[in-house]
Amino acid sequence: VWHYYGRIMAAKNANISTSAATLS
């Protein structure tokens, strides 16, 4: 799952909403 976790964190750092990052 760590590749997914890394993408969520990177998306959040780019001002992507948590829900959108997780859903993606």
PDBML (XML) file of the C-alpha atoms, coordinates in Angstrom:
<?xml version="1.0" encoding="UTF-8" ?>
<PDBx:datablock datablockName="MODEL"
   xmlns:PDBx="http://pdbml.pdb.org/schema/pdbx-v50.xsd"
   xmlns:xsi="http://www.w3.org/2001/XMLSchema-instance"
   xsi:schemaLocation="http://pdbml.pdb.org/schema/pdbx-v50.xsd pdbx-v50.xsd">
   <PDBx:atom_siteCategory>
      <PDBx:atom_site id="1">
         <PDBx:B_iso_or_equiv>0.00</PDBx:B_iso_or_equiv>
         <PDBx:Cartn_x>0.000</PDBx:Cartn_x>
         <PDBx:Cartn_y>0.000</PDBx:Cartn_y>
         <PDBx:Cartn_z>0.000</PDBx:Cartn_z>
         <PDBx:auth_asym_id>A</PDBx:auth_asym_id>
         <PDBx:auth_atom_id>CA</PDBx:auth_atom_id>
         <PDBx:auth_comp_id>VAL</PDBx:auth_comp_id>
         <PDBx:auth_seq_id>1</PDBx:auth_seq_id>
         <PDBx:group_PDB>ATOM</PDBx:group_PDB>
         <PDBx:label_alt_id xsi:nil="true" />
         <PDBx:label_asym_id>A</PDBx:label_asym_id>
         <PDBx:label_atom_id>CA</PDBx:label_atom_id>
         <PDBx:label_comp_id>VAL</PDBx:label_comp_id>
         <PDBx:label_entity_id>1</PDBx:label_entity_id>
         <PDBx:label_seq_id>1</PDBx:label_seq_id>
         <PDBx:occupancy>1.00</PDBx:occupancy>
         <PDBx:pdbx_PDB_model_num>1</PDBx:pdbx_PDB_model_num>
         <PDBx:type_symbol>C</PDBx:type_symbol>
      </PDBx:atom_site>
      <PDBx:atom_site id="2">
         <PDBx:B_iso_or_equiv>0.00</PDBx:B_iso_or_equiv>
         <PDBx:Cartn_x>2.988</PDBx:Cartn_x>
         <PDBx:Cartn_y>2.318</PDBx:Cartn_y>
         <PDBx:Cartn_z>0.365</PDBx:Cartn_z>
         <PDBx:auth_asym_id>A</PDBx:auth_asym_id>
         <PDBx:auth_atom_id>CA</PDBx:auth_atom_id>
         <PDBx:auth_comp_id>TRP</PDBx:auth_comp_id>
         <PDBx:auth_seq_id>2</PDBx:auth_seq_id>
         <PDBx:group_PDB>ATOM</PDBx:group_PDB>
         <PDBx:label_alt_id xsi:nil="true" />
         <PDBx:label_asym_id>A</PDBx:label_asym_id>
         <PDBx:label_atom_id>CA</PDBx:label_atom_id>
         <PDBx:label_comp_id>TRP</PDBx:label_comp_id>
         <PDBx:label_entity_id>1</PDBx:label_entity_id>
         <PDBx:label_seq_id>2</PDBx:label_seq_id>
         <PDBx:occupancy>1.00</PDBx:occupancy>
         <PDBx:pdbx_PDB_model_num>1</PDBx:pdbx_PDB_model_num>
         <PDBx:type_symbol>C</PDBx:type_symbol>
      </PDBx:atom_site>
      <PDBx:atom_site id="3">
         <PDBx:B_iso_or_equiv>0.00</PDBx:B_iso_or_equiv>
         <PDBx:Cartn_x>2.996</PDBx:Cartn_x>
         <PDBx:Cartn_y>3.468</PDBx:Cartn_y>
         <PDBx:Cartn_z>-3.256</PDBx:Cartn_z>
         <PDBx:auth_asym_id>A</PDBx:auth_asym_id>
         <PDBx:auth_atom_id>CA</PDBx:auth_atom_id>
         <PDBx:auth_comp_id>HIS</PDBx:auth_comp_id>
         <PDBx:auth_seq_id>3</PDBx:auth_seq_id>
         <PDBx:group_PDB>ATOM</PDBx:group_PDB>
         <PDBx:label_alt_id xsi:nil="true" />
         <PDBx:label_asym_id>A</PDBx:label_asym_id>
         <PDBx:label_atom_id>CA</PDBx:label_atom_id>
         <PDBx:label_comp_id>HIS</PDBx:label_comp_id>
         <PDBx:label_entity_id>1</PDBx:label_entity_id>
         <PDBx:label_seq_id>3</PDBx:label_seq_id>
         <PDBx:occupancy>1.00</PDBx:occupancy>
         <PDBx:pdbx_PDB_model_num>1</PDBx:pdbx_PDB_model_num>
         <PDBx:type_symbol>C</PDBx:type_symbol>
      </PDBx:atom_site>
      <PDBx:atom_site id="4">
         <PDBx:B_iso_or_equiv>0.00</PDBx:B_iso_or_equiv>
         <PDBx:Cartn_x>-0.619</PDBx:Cartn_x>
         <PDBx:Cartn_y>4.577</PDBx:Cartn_y>
         <PDBx:Cartn_z>-2.752</PDBx:Cartn_z>
         <PDBx:auth_asym_id>A</PDBx:auth_asym_id>
         <PDBx:auth_atom_id>CA</PDBx:auth_atom_id>
         <PDBx:auth_comp_id>TYR</PDBx:auth_comp_id>
         <PDBx:auth_seq_id>4</PDBx:auth_seq_id>
         <PDBx:group_PDB>ATOM</PDBx:group_PDB>
         <PDBx:label_alt_id xsi:nil="true" />
         <PDBx:label_asym_id>A</PDBx:label_asym_id>
         <PDBx:label_atom_id>CA</PDBx:label_atom_id>
         <PDBx:label_comp_id>TYR</PDBx:label_comp_id>
         <PDBx:label_entity_id>1</PDBx:label_entity_id>
         <PDBx:label_seq_id>4</PDBx:label_seq_id>
         <PDBx:occupancy>1.00</PDBx:occupancy>
         <PDBx:pdbx_PDB_model_num>1</PDBx:pdbx_PDB_model_num>
         <PDBx:type_symbol>C</PDBx:type_symbol>
      </PDBx:atom_site>
      <PDBx:atom_site id="5">
         <PDBx:B_iso_or_equiv>0.00</PDBx:B_iso_or_equiv>
         <PDBx:Cartn_x>0.248</PDBx:Cartn_x>
         <PDBx:Cartn_y>6.303</PDBx:Cartn_y>
         <PDBx:Cartn_z>0.518</PDBx:Cartn_z>
         <PDBx:auth_asym_id>A</PDBx:auth_asym_id>
         <PDBx:auth_atom_id>CA</PDBx:auth_atom_id>
         <PDBx:auth_comp_id>TYR</PDBx:auth_comp_id>
         <PDBx:auth_seq_id>5</PDBx:auth_seq_id>
         <PDBx:group_PDB>ATOM</PDBx:group_PDB>
         <PDBx:label_alt_id xsi:nil="true" />
         <PDBx:label_asym_id>A</PDBx:label_asym_id>
         <PDBx:label_atom_id>CA</PDBx:label_atom_id>
         <PDBx:label_comp_id>TYR</PDBx:label_comp_id>
         <PDBx:label_entity_id>1</PDBx:label_entity_id>
         <PDBx:label_seq_id>5</PDBx:label_seq_id>
         <PDBx:occupancy>1.00</PDBx:occupancy>
         <PDBx:pdbx_PDB_model_num>1</PDBx:pdbx_PDB_model_num>
         <PDBx:type_symbol>C</PDBx:type_symbol>
      </PDBx:atom_site>
      <PDBx:atom_site id="6">
         <PDBx:B_iso_or_equiv>0.00</PDBx:B_iso_or_equiv>
         <PDBx:Cartn_x>3.143</PDBx:Cartn_x>
         <PDBx:Cartn_y>8.141</PDBx:Cartn_y>
         <PDBx:Cartn_z>-1.138</PDBx:Cartn_z>
         <PDBx:auth_asym_id>A</PDBx:auth_asym_id>
         <PDBx:auth_atom_id>CA</PDBx:auth_atom_id>
         <PDBx:auth_comp_id>GLY</PDBx:auth_comp_id>
         <PDBx:auth_seq_id>6</PDBx:auth_seq_id>
         <PDBx:group_PDB>ATOM</PDBx:group_PDB>
         <PDBx:label_alt_id xsi:nil="true" />
         <PDBx:label_asym_id>A</PDBx:label_asym_id>
         <PDBx:label_atom_id>CA</PDBx:label_atom_id>
         <PDBx:label_comp_id>GLY</PDBx:label_comp_id>
         <PDBx:label_entity_id>1</PDBx:label_entity_id>
         <PDBx:label_seq_id>6</PDBx:label_seq_id>
         <PDBx:occupancy>1.00</PDBx:occupancy>
         <PDBx:pdbx_PDB_model_num>1</PDBx:pdbx_PDB_model_num>
         <PDBx:type_symbol>C</PDBx:type_symbol>
      </PDBx:atom_site>
      <PDBx:atom_site id="7">
         <PDBx:B_iso_or_equiv>0.00</PDBx:B_iso_or_equiv>
         <PDBx:Cartn_x>0.884</PDBx:Cartn_x>
         <PDBx:Cartn_y>9.384</PDBx:Cartn_y>
         <PDBx:Cartn_z>-3.932</PDBx:Cartn_z>
         <PDBx:auth_asym_id>A</PDBx:auth_asym_id>
         <PDBx:auth_atom_id>CA</PDBx:auth_atom_id>
         <PDBx:auth_comp_id>ARG</PDBx:auth_comp_id>
         <PDBx:auth_seq_id>7</PDBx:auth_seq_id>
         <PDBx:group_PDB>ATOM</PDBx:group_PDB>
         <PDBx:label_alt_id xsi:nil="true" />
         <PDBx:label_asym_id>A</PDBx:label_asym_id>
         <PDBx:label_atom_id>CA</PDBx:label_atom_id>
         <PDBx:label_comp_id>ARG</PDBx:label_comp_id>
         <PDBx:label_entity_id>1</PDBx:label_entity_id>
         <PDBx:label_seq_id>7</PDBx:label_seq_id>
         <PDBx:occupancy>1.00</PDBx:occupancy>
         <PDBx:pdbx_PDB_model_num>1</PDBx:pdbx_PDB_model_num>
         <PDBx:type_symbol>C</PDBx:type_symbol>
      </PDBx:atom_site>
      <PDBx:atom_site id="8">
         <PDBx:B_iso_or_equiv>0.00</PDBx:B_iso_or_equiv>
         <PDBx:Cartn_x>-1.755</PDBx:Cartn_x>
         <PDBx:Cartn_y>10.599</PDBx:Cartn_y>
         <PDBx:Cartn_z>-1.485</PDBx:Cartn_z>
         <PDBx:auth_asym_id>A</PDBx:auth_asym_id>
         <PDBx:auth_atom_id>CA</PDBx:auth_atom_id>
         <PDBx:auth_comp_id>ILE</PDBx:auth_comp_id>
         <PDBx:auth_seq_id>8</PDBx:auth_seq_id>
         <PDBx:group_PDB>ATOM</PDBx:group_PDB>
         <PDBx:label_alt_id xsi:nil="true" />
         <PDBx:label_asym_id>A</PDBx:label_asym_id>
         <PDBx:label_atom_id>CA</PDBx:label_atom_id>
         <PDBx:label_comp_id>ILE</PDBx:label_comp_id>
         <PDBx:label_entity_id>1</PDBx:label_entity_id>
         <PDBx:label_seq_id>8</PDBx:label_seq_id>
         <PDBx:occupancy>1.00</PDBx:occupancy>
         <PDBx:pdbx_PDB_model_num>1</PDBx:pdbx_PDB_model_num>
         <PDBx:type_symbol>C</PDBx:type_symbol>
      </PDBx:atom_site>
      <PDBx:atom_site id="9">
         <PDBx:B_iso_or_equiv>0.00</PDBx:B_iso_or_equiv>
         <PDBx:Cartn_x>0.857</PDBx:Cartn_x>
         <PDBx:Cartn_y>12.530</PDBx:Cartn_y>
         <PDBx:Cartn_z>0.506</PDBx:Cartn_z>
         <PDBx:auth_asym_id>A</PDBx:auth_asym_id>
         <PDBx:auth_atom_id>CA</PDBx:auth_atom_id>
         <PDBx:auth_comp_id>MET</PDBx:auth_comp_id>
         <PDBx:auth_seq_id>9</PDBx:auth_seq_id>
         <PDBx:group_PDB>ATOM</PDBx:group_PDB>
         <PDBx:label_alt_id xsi:nil="true" />
         <PDBx:label_asym_id>A</PDBx:label_asym_id>
         <PDBx:label_atom_id>CA</PDBx:label_atom_id>
         <PDBx:label_comp_id>MET</PDBx:label_comp_id>
         <PDBx:label_entity_id>1</PDBx:label_entity_id>
         <PDBx:label_seq_id>9</PDBx:label_seq_id>
         <PDBx:occupancy>1.00</PDBx:occupancy>
         <PDBx:pdbx_PDB_model_num>1</PDBx:pdbx_PDB_model_num>
         <PDBx:type_symbol>C</PDBx:type_symbol>
      </PDBx:atom_site>
      <PDBx:atom_site id="10">
         <PDBx:B_iso_or_equiv>0.00</PDBx:B_iso_or_equiv>
         <PDBx:Cartn_x>2.373</PDBx:Cartn_x>
         <PDBx:Cartn_y>14.045</PDBx:Cartn_y>
         <PDBx:Cartn_z>-2.657</PDBx:Cartn_z>
         <PDBx:auth_asym_id>A</PDBx:auth_asym_id>
         <PDBx:auth_atom_id>CA</PDBx:auth_atom_id>
         <PDBx:auth_comp_id>ALA</PDBx:auth_comp_id>
         <PDBx:auth_seq_id>10</PDBx:auth_seq_id>
         <PDBx:group_PDB>ATOM</PDBx:group_PDB>
         <PDBx:label_alt_id xsi:nil="true" />
         <PDBx:label_asym_id>A</PDBx:label_asym_id>
         <PDBx:label_atom_id>CA</PDBx:label_atom_id>
         <PDBx:label_comp_id>ALA</PDBx:label_comp_id>
         <PDBx:label_entity_id>1</PDBx:label_entity_id>
         <PDBx:label_seq_id>10</PDBx:label_seq_id>
         <PDBx:occupancy>1.00</PDBx:occupancy>
         <PDBx:pdbx_PDB_model_num>1</PDBx:pdbx_PDB_model_num>
         <PDBx:type_symbol>C</PDBx:type_symbol>
      </PDBx:atom_site>
      <PDBx:atom_site id="11">
         <PDBx:B_iso_or_equiv>0.00</PDBx:B_iso_or_equiv>
         <PDBx:Cartn_x>-1.071</PDBx:Cartn_x>
         <PDBx:Cartn_y>15.049</PDBx:Cartn_y>
         <PDBx:Cartn_z>-3.928</PDBx:Cartn_z>
         <PDBx:auth_asym_id>A</PDBx:auth_asym_id>
         <PDBx:auth_atom_id>CA</PDBx:auth_atom_id>
         <PDBx:auth_comp_id>ALA</PDBx:auth_comp_id>
         <PDBx:auth_seq_id>11</PDBx:auth_seq_id>
         <PDBx:group_PDB>ATOM</PDBx:group_PDB>
         <PDBx:label_alt_id xsi:nil="true" />
         <PDBx:label_asym_id>A</PDBx:label_asym_id>
         <PDBx:label_atom_id>CA</PDBx:label_atom_id>
         <PDBx:label_comp_id>ALA</PDBx:label_comp_id>
         <PDBx:label_entity_id>1</PDBx:label_entity_id>
         <PDBx:label_seq_id>11</PDBx:label_seq_id>
         <PDBx:occupancy>1.00</PDBx:occupancy>
         <PDBx:pdbx_PDB_model_num>1</PDBx:pdbx_PDB_model_num>
         <PDBx:type_symbol>C</PDBx:type_symbol>
      </PDBx:atom_site>
      <PDBx:atom_site id="12">
         <PDBx:B_iso_or_equiv>0.00</PDBx:B_iso_or_equiv>
         <PDBx:Cartn_x>-1.975</PDBx:Cartn_x>
         <PDBx:Cartn_y>16.649</PDBx:Cartn_y>
         <PDBx:Cartn_z>-0.598</PDBx:Cartn_z>
         <PDBx:auth_asym_id>A</PDBx:auth_asym_id>
         <PDBx:auth_atom_id>CA</PDBx:auth_atom_id>
         <PDBx:auth_comp_id>LYS</PDBx:auth_comp_id>
         <PDBx:auth_seq_id>12</PDBx:auth_seq_id>
         <PDBx:group_PDB>ATOM</PDBx:group_PDB>
         <PDBx:label_alt_id xsi:nil="true" />
         <PDBx:label_asym_id>A</PDBx:label_asym_id>
         <PDBx:label_atom_id>CA</PDBx:label_atom_id>
         <PDBx:label_comp_id>LYS</PDBx:label_comp_id>
         <PDBx:label_entity_id>1</PDBx:label_entity_id>
         <PDBx:label_seq_id>12</PDBx:label_seq_id>
         <PDBx:occupancy>1.00</PDBx:occupancy>
         <PDBx:pdbx_PDB_model_num>1</PDBx:pdbx_PDB_model_num>
         <PDBx:type_symbol>C</PDBx:type_symbol>
      </PDBx:atom_site>
      <PDBx:atom_site id="13">
         <PDBx:B_iso_or_equiv>0.00</PDBx:B_iso_or_equiv>
         <PDBx:Cartn_x>1.326</PDBx:Cartn_x>
         <PDBx:Cartn_y>18.596</PDBx:Cartn_y>
         <PDBx:Cartn_z>-0.670</PDBx:Cartn_z>
         <PDBx:auth_asym_id>A</PDBx:auth_asym_id>
         <PDBx:auth_atom_id>CA</PDBx:auth_atom_id>
         <PDBx:auth_comp_id>ASN</PDBx:auth_comp_id>
         <PDBx:auth_seq_id>13</PDBx:auth_seq_id>
         <PDBx:group_PDB>ATOM</PDBx:group_PDB>
         <PDBx:label_alt_id xsi:nil="true" />
         <PDBx:label_asym_id>A</PDBx:label_asym_id>
         <PDBx:label_atom_id>CA</PDBx:label_atom_id>
         <PDBx:label_comp_id>ASN</PDBx:label_comp_id>
         <PDBx:label_entity_id>1</PDBx:label_entity_id>
         <PDBx:label_seq_id>13</PDBx:label_seq_id>
         <PDBx:occupancy>1.00</PDBx:occupancy>
         <PDBx:pdbx_PDB_model_num>1</PDBx:pdbx_PDB_model_num>
         <PDBx:type_symbol>C</PDBx:type_symbol>
      </PDBx:atom_site>
      <PDBx:atom_site id="14">
         <PDBx:B_iso_or_equiv>0.00</PDBx:B_iso_or_equiv>
         <PDBx:Cartn_x>0.261</PDBx:Cartn_x>
         <PDBx:Cartn_y>19.885</PDBx:Cartn_y>
         <PDBx:Cartn_z>-4.092</PDBx:Cartn_z>
         <PDBx:auth_asym_id>A</PDBx:auth_asym_id>
         <PDBx:auth_atom_id>CA</PDBx:auth_atom_id>
         <PDBx:auth_comp_id>ALA</PDBx:auth_comp_id>
         <PDBx:auth_seq_id>14</PDBx:auth_seq_id>
         <PDBx:group_PDB>ATOM</PDBx:group_PDB>
         <PDBx:label_alt_id xsi:nil="true" />
         <PDBx:label_asym_id>A</PDBx:label_asym_id>
         <PDBx:label_atom_id>CA</PDBx:label_atom_id>
         <PDBx:label_comp_id>ALA</PDBx:label_comp_id>
         <PDBx:label_entity_id>1</PDBx:label_entity_id>
         <PDBx:label_seq_id>14</PDBx:label_seq_id>
         <PDBx:occupancy>1.00</PDBx:occupancy>
         <PDBx:pdbx_PDB_model_num>1</PDBx:pdbx_PDB_model_num>
         <PDBx:type_symbol>C</PDBx:type_symbol>
      </PDBx:atom_site>
      <PDBx:atom_site id="15">
         <PDBx:B_iso_or_equiv>0.00</PDBx:B_iso_or_equiv>
         <PDBx:Cartn_x>-2.974</PDBx:Cartn_x>
         <PDBx:Cartn_y>21.248</PDBx:Cartn_y>
         <PDBx:Cartn_z>-2.579</PDBx:Cartn_z>
         <PDBx:auth_asym_id>A</PDBx:auth_asym_id>
         <PDBx:auth_atom_id>CA</PDBx:auth_atom_id>
         <PDBx:auth_comp_id>ASN</PDBx:auth_comp_id>
         <PDBx:auth_seq_id>15</PDBx:auth_seq_id>
         <PDBx:group_PDB>ATOM</PDBx:group_PDB>
         <PDBx:label_alt_id xsi:nil="true" />
         <PDBx:label_asym_id>A</PDBx:label_asym_id>
         <PDBx:label_atom_id>CA</PDBx:label_atom_id>
         <PDBx:label_comp_id>ASN</PDBx:label_comp_id>
         <PDBx:label_entity_id>1</PDBx:label_entity_id>
         <PDBx:label_seq_id>15</PDBx:label_seq_id>
         <PDBx:occupancy>1.00</PDBx:occupancy>
         <PDBx:pdbx_PDB_model_num>1</PDBx:pdbx_PDB_model_num>
         <PDBx:type_symbol>C</PDBx:type_symbol>
      </PDBx:atom_site>
      <PDBx:atom_site id="16">
         <PDBx:B_iso_or_equiv>0.00</PDBx:B_iso_or_equiv>
         <PDBx:Cartn_x>-5.144</PDBx:Cartn_x>
         <PDBx:Cartn_y>18.397</PDBx:Cartn_y>
         <PDBx:Cartn_z>-3.800</PDBx:Cartn_z>
         <PDBx:auth_asym_id>A</PDBx:auth_asym_id>
         <PDBx:auth_atom_id>CA</PDBx:auth_atom_id>
         <PDBx:auth_comp_id>ILE</PDBx:auth_comp_id>
         <PDBx:auth_seq_id>16</PDBx:auth_seq_id>
         <PDBx:group_PDB>ATOM</PDBx:group_PDB>
         <PDBx:label_alt_id xsi:nil="true" />
         <PDBx:label_asym_id>A</PDBx:label_asym_id>
         <PDBx:label_atom_id>CA</PDBx:label_atom_id>
         <PDBx:label_comp_id>ILE</PDBx:label_comp_id>
         <PDBx:label_entity_id>1</PDBx:label_entity_id>
         <PDBx:label_seq_id>16</PDBx:label_seq_id>
         <PDBx:occupancy>1.00</PDBx:occupancy>
         <PDBx:pdbx_PDB_model_num>1</PDBx:pdbx_PDB_model_num>
         <PDBx:type_symbol>C</PDBx:type_symbol>
      </PDBx:atom_site>
      <PDBx:atom_site id="17">
         <PDBx:B_iso_or_equiv>0.00</PDBx:B_iso_or_equiv>
         <PDBx:Cartn_x>-8.016</PDBx:Cartn_x>
         <PDBx:Cartn_y>17.693</PDBx:Cartn_y>
         <PDBx:Cartn_z>-1.424</PDBx:Cartn_z>
         <PDBx:auth_asym_id>A</PDBx:auth_asym_id>
         <PDBx:auth_atom_id>CA</PDBx:auth_atom_id>
         <PDBx:auth_comp_id>SER</PDBx:auth_comp_id>
         <PDBx:auth_seq_id>17</PDBx:auth_seq_id>
         <PDBx:group_PDB>ATOM</PDBx:group_PDB>
         <PDBx:label_alt_id xsi:nil="true" />
         <PDBx:label_asym_id>A</PDBx:label_asym_id>
         <PDBx:label_atom_id>CA</PDBx:label_atom_id>
         <PDBx:label_comp_id>SER</PDBx:label_comp_id>
         <PDBx:label_entity_id>1</PDBx:label_entity_id>
         <PDBx:label_seq_id>17</PDBx:label_seq_id>
         <PDBx:occupancy>1.00</PDBx:occupancy>
         <PDBx:pdbx_PDB_model_num>1</PDBx:pdbx_PDB_model_num>
         <PDBx:type_symbol>C</PDBx:type_symbol>
      </PDBx:atom_site>
      <PDBx:atom_site id="18">
         <PDBx:B_iso_or_equiv>0.00</PDBx:B_iso_or_equiv>
         <PDBx:Cartn_x>-7.675</PDBx:Cartn_x>
         <PDBx:Cartn_y>14.634</PDBx:Cartn_y>
         <PDBx:Cartn_z>0.796</PDBx:Cartn_z>
         <PDBx:auth_asym_id>A</PDBx:auth_asym_id>
         <PDBx:auth_atom_id>CA</PDBx:auth_atom_id>
         <PDBx:auth_comp_id>THR</PDBx:auth_comp_id>
         <PDBx:auth_seq_id>18</PDBx:auth_seq_id>
         <PDBx:group_PDB>ATOM</PDBx:group_PDB>
         <PDBx:label_alt_id xsi:nil="true" />
         <PDBx:label_asym_id>A</PDBx:label_asym_id>
         <PDBx:label_atom_id>CA</PDBx:label_atom_id>
         <PDBx:label_comp_id>THR</PDBx:label_comp_id>
         <PDBx:label_entity_id>1</PDBx:label_entity_id>
         <PDBx:label_seq_id>18</PDBx:label_seq_id>
         <PDBx:occupancy>1.00</PDBx:occupancy>
         <PDBx:pdbx_PDB_model_num>1</PDBx:pdbx_PDB_model_num>
         <PDBx:type_symbol>C</PDBx:type_symbol>
      </PDBx:atom_site>
      <PDBx:atom_site id="19">
         <PDBx:B_iso_or_equiv>0.00</PDBx:B_iso_or_equiv>
         <PDBx:Cartn_x>-10.853</PDBx:Cartn_x>
         <PDBx:Cartn_y>13.075</PDBx:Cartn_y>
         <PDBx:Cartn_z>-0.566</PDBx:Cartn_z>
         <PDBx:auth_asym_id>A</PDBx:auth_asym_id>
         <PDBx:auth_atom_id>CA</PDBx:auth_atom_id>
         <PDBx:auth_comp_id>SER</PDBx:auth_comp_id>
         <PDBx:auth_seq_id>19</PDBx:auth_seq_id>
         <PDBx:group_PDB>ATOM</PDBx:group_PDB>
         <PDBx:label_alt_id xsi:nil="true" />
         <PDBx:label_asym_id>A</PDBx:label_asym_id>
         <PDBx:label_atom_id>CA</PDBx:label_atom_id>
         <PDBx:label_comp_id>SER</PDBx:label_comp_id>
         <PDBx:label_entity_id>1</PDBx:label_entity_id>
         <PDBx:label_seq_id>19</PDBx:label_seq_id>
         <PDBx:occupancy>1.00</PDBx:occupancy>
         <PDBx:pdbx_PDB_model_num>1</PDBx:pdbx_PDB_model_num>
         <PDBx:type_symbol>C</PDBx:type_symbol>
      </PDBx:atom_site>
      <PDBx:atom_site id="20">
         <PDBx:B_iso_or_equiv>0.00</PDBx:B_iso_or_equiv>
         <PDBx:Cartn_x>-9.789</PDBx:Cartn_x>
         <PDBx:Cartn_y>13.526</PDBx:Cartn_y>
         <PDBx:Cartn_z>-4.200</PDBx:Cartn_z>
         <PDBx:auth_asym_id>A</PDBx:auth_asym_id>
         <PDBx:auth_atom_id>CA</PDBx:auth_atom_id>
         <PDBx:auth_comp_id>ALA</PDBx:auth_comp_id>
         <PDBx:auth_seq_id>20</PDBx:auth_seq_id>
         <PDBx:group_PDB>ATOM</PDBx:group_PDB>
         <PDBx:label_alt_id xsi:nil="true" />
         <PDBx:label_asym_id>A</PDBx:label_asym_id>
         <PDBx:label_atom_id>CA</PDBx:label_atom_id>
         <PDBx:label_comp_id>ALA</PDBx:label_comp_id>
         <PDBx:label_entity_id>1</PDBx:label_entity_id>
         <PDBx:label_seq_id>20</PDBx:label_seq_id>
         <PDBx:occupancy>1.00</PDBx:occupancy>
         <PDBx:pdbx_PDB_model_num>1</PDBx:pdbx_PDB_model_num>
         <PDBx:type_symbol>C</PDBx:type_symbol>
      </PDBx:atom_site>
      <PDBx:atom_site id="21">
         <PDBx:B_iso_or_equiv>0.00</PDBx:B_iso_or_equiv>
         <PDBx:Cartn_x>-6.265</PDBx:Cartn_x>
         <PDBx:Cartn_y>12.213</PDBx:Cartn_y>
         <PDBx:Cartn_z>-3.558</PDBx:Cartn_z>
         <PDBx:auth_asym_id>A</PDBx:auth_asym_id>
         <PDBx:auth_atom_id>CA</PDBx:auth_atom_id>
         <PDBx:auth_comp_id>ALA</PDBx:auth_comp_id>
         <PDBx:auth_seq_id>21</PDBx:auth_seq_id>
         <PDBx:group_PDB>ATOM</PDBx:group_PDB>
         <PDBx:label_alt_id xsi:nil="true" />
         <PDBx:label_asym_id>A</PDBx:label_asym_id>
         <PDBx:label_atom_id>CA</PDBx:label_atom_id>
         <PDBx:label_comp_id>ALA</PDBx:label_comp_id>
         <PDBx:label_entity_id>1</PDBx:label_entity_id>
         <PDBx:label_seq_id>21</PDBx:label_seq_id>
         <PDBx:occupancy>1.00</PDBx:occupancy>
         <PDBx:pdbx_PDB_model_num>1</PDBx:pdbx_PDB_model_num>
         <PDBx:type_symbol>C</PDBx:type_symbol>
      </PDBx:atom_site>
      <PDBx:atom_site id="22">
         <PDBx:B_iso_or_equiv>0.00</PDBx:B_iso_or_equiv>
         <PDBx:Cartn_x>-7.604</PDBx:Cartn_x>
         <PDBx:Cartn_y>9.164</PDBx:Cartn_y>
         <PDBx:Cartn_z>-1.734</PDBx:Cartn_z>
         <PDBx:auth_asym_id>A</PDBx:auth_asym_id>
         <PDBx:auth_atom_id>CA</PDBx:auth_atom_id>
         <PDBx:auth_comp_id>THR</PDBx:auth_comp_id>
         <PDBx:auth_seq_id>22</PDBx:auth_seq_id>
         <PDBx:group_PDB>ATOM</PDBx:group_PDB>
         <PDBx:label_alt_id xsi:nil="true" />
         <PDBx:label_asym_id>A</PDBx:label_asym_id>
         <PDBx:label_atom_id>CA</PDBx:label_atom_id>
         <PDBx:label_comp_id>THR</PDBx:label_comp_id>
         <PDBx:label_entity_id>1</PDBx:label_entity_id>
         <PDBx:label_seq_id>22</PDBx:label_seq_id>
         <PDBx:occupancy>1.00</PDBx:occupancy>
         <PDBx:pdbx_PDB_model_num>1</PDBx:pdbx_PDB_model_num>
         <PDBx:type_symbol>C</PDBx:type_symbol>
      </PDBx:atom_site>
      <PDBx:atom_site id="23">
         <PDBx:B_iso_or_equiv>0.00</PDBx:B_iso_or_equiv>
         <PDBx:Cartn_x>-10.302</PDBx:Cartn_x>
         <PDBx:Cartn_y>8.495</PDBx:Cartn_y>
         <PDBx:Cartn_z>-4.294</PDBx:Cartn_z>
         <PDBx:auth_asym_id>A</PDBx:auth_asym_id>
         <PDBx:auth_atom_id>CA</PDBx:auth_atom_id>
         <PDBx:auth_comp_id>LEU</PDBx:auth_comp_id>
         <PDBx:auth_seq_id>23</PDBx:auth_seq_id>
         <PDBx:group_PDB>ATOM</PDBx:group_PDB>
         <PDBx:label_alt_id xsi:nil="true" />
         <PDBx:label_asym_id>A</PDBx:label_asym_id>
         <PDBx:label_atom_id>CA</PDBx:label_atom_id>
         <PDBx:label_comp_id>LEU</PDBx:label_comp_id>
         <PDBx:label_entity_id>1</PDBx:label_entity_id>
         <PDBx:label_seq_id>23</PDBx:label_seq_id>
         <PDBx:occupancy>1.00</PDBx:occupancy>
         <PDBx:pdbx_PDB_model_num>1</PDBx:pdbx_PDB_model_num>
         <PDBx:type_symbol>C</PDBx:type_symbol>
      </PDBx:atom_site>
      <PDBx:atom_site id="24">
         <PDBx:B_iso_or_equiv>0.00</PDBx:B_iso_or_equiv>
         <PDBx:Cartn_x>-7.815</PDBx:Cartn_x>
         <PDBx:Cartn_y>8.734</PDBx:Cartn_y>
         <PDBx:Cartn_z>-7.168</PDBx:Cartn_z>
         <PDBx:auth_asym_id>A</PDBx:auth_asym_id>
         <PDBx:auth_atom_id>CA</PDBx:auth_atom_id>
         <PDBx:auth_comp_id>SER</PDBx:auth_comp_id>
         <PDBx:auth_seq_id>24</PDBx:auth_seq_id>
         <PDBx:group_PDB>ATOM</PDBx:group_PDB>
         <PDBx:label_alt_id xsi:nil="true" />
         <PDBx:label_asym_id>A</PDBx:label_asym_id>
         <PDBx:label_atom_id>CA</PDBx:label_atom_id>
         <PDBx:label_comp_id>SER</PDBx:label_comp_id>
         <PDBx:label_entity_id>1</PDBx:label_entity_id>
         <PDBx:label_seq_id>24</PDBx:label_seq_id>
         <PDBx:occupancy>1.00</PDBx:occupancy>
         <PDBx:pdbx_PDB_model_num>1</PDBx:pdbx_PDB_model_num>
         <PDBx:type_symbol>C</PDBx:type_symbol>
      </PDBx:atom_site>
   </PDBx:atom_siteCategory>
</PDBx:datablock>
